[in-house]
C-alpha atoms as a PDB file:
ATOM      1  CA  MET A   1     -63.827  39.455  39.320  1.00  0.00           C
ATOM      2  CA  ALA A   2     -64.657  41.510  42.446  1.00  0.00           C
ATOM      3  CA  ARG A   3     -61.985  43.782  43.789  1.00  0.00           C
ATOM      4  CA  TYR A   4     -61.665  44.258  47.488  1.00  0.00           C
ATOM      5  CA  PRO A   5     -60.576  47.570  49.004  1.00  0.00           C
ATOM      6  CA  THR A   6     -56.975  47.792  50.016  1.00  0.00           C
ATOM      7  CA  PRO A   7     -56.671  47.534  53.816  1.00  0.00           C
ATOM      8  CA  THR A   8     -55.530  50.696  55.518  1.00  0.00           C
ATOM      9  CA  TRP A   9     -53.358  51.219  58.545  1.00  0.00           C
ATOM     10  CA  PRO A  10     -54.125  54.059  60.946  1.00  0.00           C
ATOM     11  CA  GLU A  11     -51.722  56.984  60.994  1.00  0.00           C
ATOM     12  CA  GLU A  12     -50.607  56.646  64.620  1.00  0.00           C
ATOM     13  CA  GLU A  13     -47.528  55.776  66.591  1.00  0.00           C
ATOM     14  CA  PRO A  14     -45.960  52.405  65.774  1.00  0.00           C
ATOM     15  CA  ALA A  15     -47.568  49.451  67.528  1.00  0.00           C
ATOM     16  CA  THR A  16     -45.629  48.079  70.458  1.00  0.00           C
ATOM     17  CA  THR A  17     -47.259  44.619  70.463  1.00  0.00           C
ATOM     18  CA  LEU A  18     -48.857  42.342  67.933  1.00  0.00           C
ATOM     19  CA  LYS A  19     -52.129  42.601  69.898  1.00  0.00           C
ATOM     20  CA  SER A  20     -52.230  46.394  69.646  1.00  0.00           C
ATOM     21  CA  ALA A  21     -51.261  46.314  65.950  1.00  0.00           C
ATOM     22  CA  LEU A  22     -53.996  43.827  65.142  1.00  0.00           C
ATOM     23  CA  GLY A  23     -56.535  45.789  67.190  1.00  0.00           C
ATOM     24  CA  ARG A  24     -55.710  49.029  65.349  1.00  0.00           C
ATOM     25  CA  PHE A  25     -55.866  47.260  61.971  1.00  0.00           C
ATOM     26  CA  LEU A  26     -59.292  45.724  62.701  1.00  0.00           C
ATOM     27  CA  LYS A  27     -60.655  49.053  63.970  1.00  0.00           C
ATOM     28  CA  ALA A  28     -59.331  50.967  60.965  1.00  0.00           C
ATOM     29  CA  ASN A  29     -61.011  48.516  58.547  1.00  0.00           C
ATOM     30  CA  GLY A  30     -64.354  48.230  60.344  1.00  0.00           C
ATOM     31  CA  LEU A  31     -63.820  44.639  61.457  1.00  0.00           C
ATOM     32  CA  GLN A  32     -63.485  45.129  65.197  1.00  0.00           C
ATOM     33  CA  GLY A  33     -66.846  43.682  66.291  1.00  0.00           C
ATOM     34  CA  ALA A  34     -67.087  40.768  63.837  1.00  0.00           C
ATOM     35  CA  GLY A  35     -65.825  38.111  66.270  1.00  0.00           C
ATOM     36  CA  LYS A  36     -68.015  39.345  69.135  1.00  0.00           C
ATOM     37  CA  ARG A  37     -71.196  38.923  67.135  1.00  0.00           C
ATOM     38  CA  GLN A  38     -70.303  35.390  66.033  1.00  0.00           C
ATOM     39  CA  GLN A  39     -69.490  34.474  69.636  1.00  0.00           C
ATOM     40  CA  LEU A  40     -72.826  35.871  70.837  1.00  0.00           C
ATOM     41  CA  GLU A  41     -74.774  34.122  68.046  1.00  0.00           C
ATOM     42  CA  SER A  42     -73.137  30.821  68.918  1.00  0.00           C
ATOM     43  CA  ALA A  43     -73.770  31.241  72.631  1.00  0.00           C
ATOM     44  CA  TRP A  44     -77.428  32.260  72.026  1.00  0.00           C
ATOM     45  CA  SER A  45     -77.951  29.183  69.839  1.00  0.00           C
ATOM     46  CA  ARG A  46     -76.522  26.836  72.495  1.00  0.00           C
ATOM     47  CA  ILE A  47     -78.627  28.431  75.247  1.00  0.00           C
ATOM     48  CA  VAL A  48     -82.062  28.608  73.624  1.00  0.00           C
ATOM     49  CA  GLY A  49     -81.923  25.617  71.272  1.00  0.00           C
ATOM     50  CA  LEU A  50     -82.909  25.089  67.664  1.00  0.00           C
ATOM     51  CA  GLU A  51     -86.621  25.851  68.007  1.00  0.00           C
ATOM     52  CA  LEU A  52     -86.114  29.316  69.487  1.00  0.00           C
ATOM     53  CA  VAL A  53     -83.161  30.112  67.232  1.00  0.00           C
ATOM     54  CA  ARG A  54     -85.546  29.730  64.286  1.00  0.00           C
ATOM     55  CA  HIS A  55     -87.667  32.603  65.659  1.00  0.00           C
ATOM     56  CA  THR A  56     -85.002  34.859  67.180  1.00  0.00           C
ATOM     57  CA  ARG A  57     -81.704  36.361  66.136  1.00  0.00           C
ATOM     58  CA  VAL A  58     -78.874  38.341  67.665  1.00  0.00           C
ATOM     59  CA  LEU A  59     -79.157  41.877  66.284  1.00  0.00           C
ATOM     60  CA  GLY A  60     -76.125  43.351  67.974  1.00  0.00           C
ATOM     61  CA  PHE A  61     -74.187  44.207  71.102  1.00  0.00           C
ATOM     62  CA  ARG A  62     -74.097  47.747  72.447  1.00  0.00           C
ATOM     63  CA  ARG A  63     -72.795  49.079  75.750  1.00  0.00           C
ATOM     64  CA  GLY A  64     -72.903  45.687  77.417  1.00  0.00           C
ATOM     65  CA  THR A  65     -76.401  44.802  76.198  1.00  0.00           C
ATOM     66  CA  VAL A  66     -77.126  41.970  73.767  1.00  0.00           C
ATOM     67  CA  GLU A  67     -79.944  42.957  71.410  1.00  0.00           C
ATOM     68  CA  ILE A  68     -82.187  40.048  70.402  1.00  0.00           C
ATOM     69  CA  GLY A  69     -84.818  40.223  67.661  1.00  0.00           C
ATOM     70  CA  VAL A  70     -87.967  38.129  68.191  1.00  0.00           C
ATOM     71  CA  GLU A  71     -90.524  37.269  65.491  1.00  0.00           C
ATOM     72  CA  SER A  72     -93.717  37.497  67.585  1.00  0.00           C
ATOM     73  CA  SER A  73     -94.936  39.499  70.541  1.00  0.00           C
ATOM     74  CA  ALA A  74     -96.208  36.347  72.259  1.00  0.00           C
ATOM     75  CA  LEU A  75     -92.781  34.720  72.044  1.00  0.00           C
ATOM     76  CA  MET A  76     -91.107  37.931  73.162  1.00  0.00           C
ATOM     77  CA  ASN A  77     -93.331  38.029  76.238  1.00  0.00           C
ATOM     78  CA  GLU A  78     -92.431  34.407  77.049  1.00  0.00           C
ATOM     79  CA  ILE A  79     -88.709  35.043  76.590  1.00  0.00           C
ATOM     80  CA  ARG A  80     -88.854  38.146  78.813  1.00  0.00           C
ATOM     81  CA  PHE A  81     -90.275  35.938  81.563  1.00  0.00           C
ATOM     82  CA  HIS A  82     -86.963  34.003  81.436  1.00  0.00           C
ATOM     83  CA  GLN A  83     -84.755  37.070  80.919  1.00  0.00           C
ATOM     84  CA  ALA A  84     -82.754  36.767  84.153  1.00  0.00           C
ATOM     85  CA  ALA A  85     -81.896  33.098  83.503  1.00  0.00           C
ATOM     86  CA  LEU A  86     -81.015  33.828  79.867  1.00  0.00           C
ATOM     87  CA  LEU A  87     -78.726  36.661  80.939  1.00  0.00           C
ATOM     88  CA  ALA A  88     -76.930  34.414  83.441  1.00  0.00           C
ATOM     89  CA  ASP A  89     -76.519  31.721  80.782  1.00  0.00           C
ATOM     90  CA  LEU A  90     -75.156  34.232  78.250  1.00  0.00           C
ATOM     91  CA  GLN A  91     -72.696  35.596  80.811  1.00  0.00           C
ATOM     92  CA  ARG A  92     -71.458  32.067  81.453  1.00  0.00           C
ATOM     93  CA  GLU A  93     -71.303  31.004  77.772  1.00  0.00           C
ATOM     94  CA  ALA A  94     -69.754  34.222  76.429  1.00  0.00           C
ATOM     95  CA  PRO A  95     -67.737  35.862  79.211  1.00  0.00           C
ATOM     96  CA  ARG A  96     -66.092  38.307  76.770  1.00  0.00           C
ATOM     97  CA  PRO A  97     -67.317  40.886  76.032  1.00  0.00           C
ATOM     98  CA  ALA A  98     -68.858  41.615  79.419  1.00  0.00           C
ATOM     99  CA  ILE A  99     -72.636  41.222  79.089  1.00  0.00           C
ATOM    100  CA  THR A 100     -74.726  43.297  81.505  1.00  0.00           C
ATOM    101  CA  GLY A 101     -78.173  43.022  79.935  1.00  0.00           C
ATOM    102  CA  ILE A 102     -80.470  41.713  77.218  1.00  0.00           C
ATOM    103  CA  SER A 103     -82.996  43.738  75.229  1.00  0.00           C
ATOM    104  CA  PHE A 104     -85.690  42.365  72.946  1.00  0.00           C
ATOM    105  CA  SER A 105     -87.411  43.877  69.932  1.00  0.00           C
ATOM    106  CA  LEU A 106     -89.880  42.649  67.354  1.00  0.00           C
ATOM    107  CA  ILE A 107     -88.538  41.784  63.913  1.00  0.00           C
ATOM    108  CA  PRO A 108     -90.455  40.786  60.761  1.00  0.00           C
ATOM    109  CA  MET A 109     -91.139  37.084  60.401  1.00  0.00           C
ATOM    110  CA  GLN A 110     -88.664  35.390  58.098  1.00  0.00           C
ATOM    111  CA  GLU A 111     -90.056  33.973  54.905  1.00  0.00           C
ATOM    112  CA  ARG A 112     -89.474  30.250  54.898  1.00  0.00           C
ATOM    113  CA  ASP A 113     -89.735  27.652  52.203  1.00  0.00           C
ATOM    114  CA  GLU A 114     -92.658  25.554  53.378  1.00  0.00           C
ATOM    115  CA  GLY A 115     -92.155  23.008  50.618  1.00  0.00           C
ATOM    116  CA  PRO A 116     -94.682  22.023  48.006  1.00  0.00           C
ATOM    117  CA  ALA A 117     -98.324  22.678  48.859  1.00  0.00           C
ATOM    118  CA  GLU A 118    -100.569  19.653  49.041  1.00  0.00           C
ATOM    119  CA  THR A 119    -103.557  19.609  46.706  1.00  0.00           C
END
């Protein structure tokens, strides 16, 4: 059976609120950004729809910029054409954390199960 590491508490002054205690605990255990990414992935999926979600993915969030990976340069060029509208939609769908920009980069195409080949 897998053993998980024992959570650690930072060696600082006692927390004055539950919010600050939870924030310090998440930061100390490397879990601080987990909810942000899920929120951004969900918002991206709602905005671009199933077809584009199959060819893009949220790579991260850094300094106010959502980083999106795109499987082809042609698709990336098309998405960049709509960048301002996508940014506005993301800001509306995911108001926290504050989103100030979107960046795009090429990622390798995902291998997909195409099903049985016809003979």
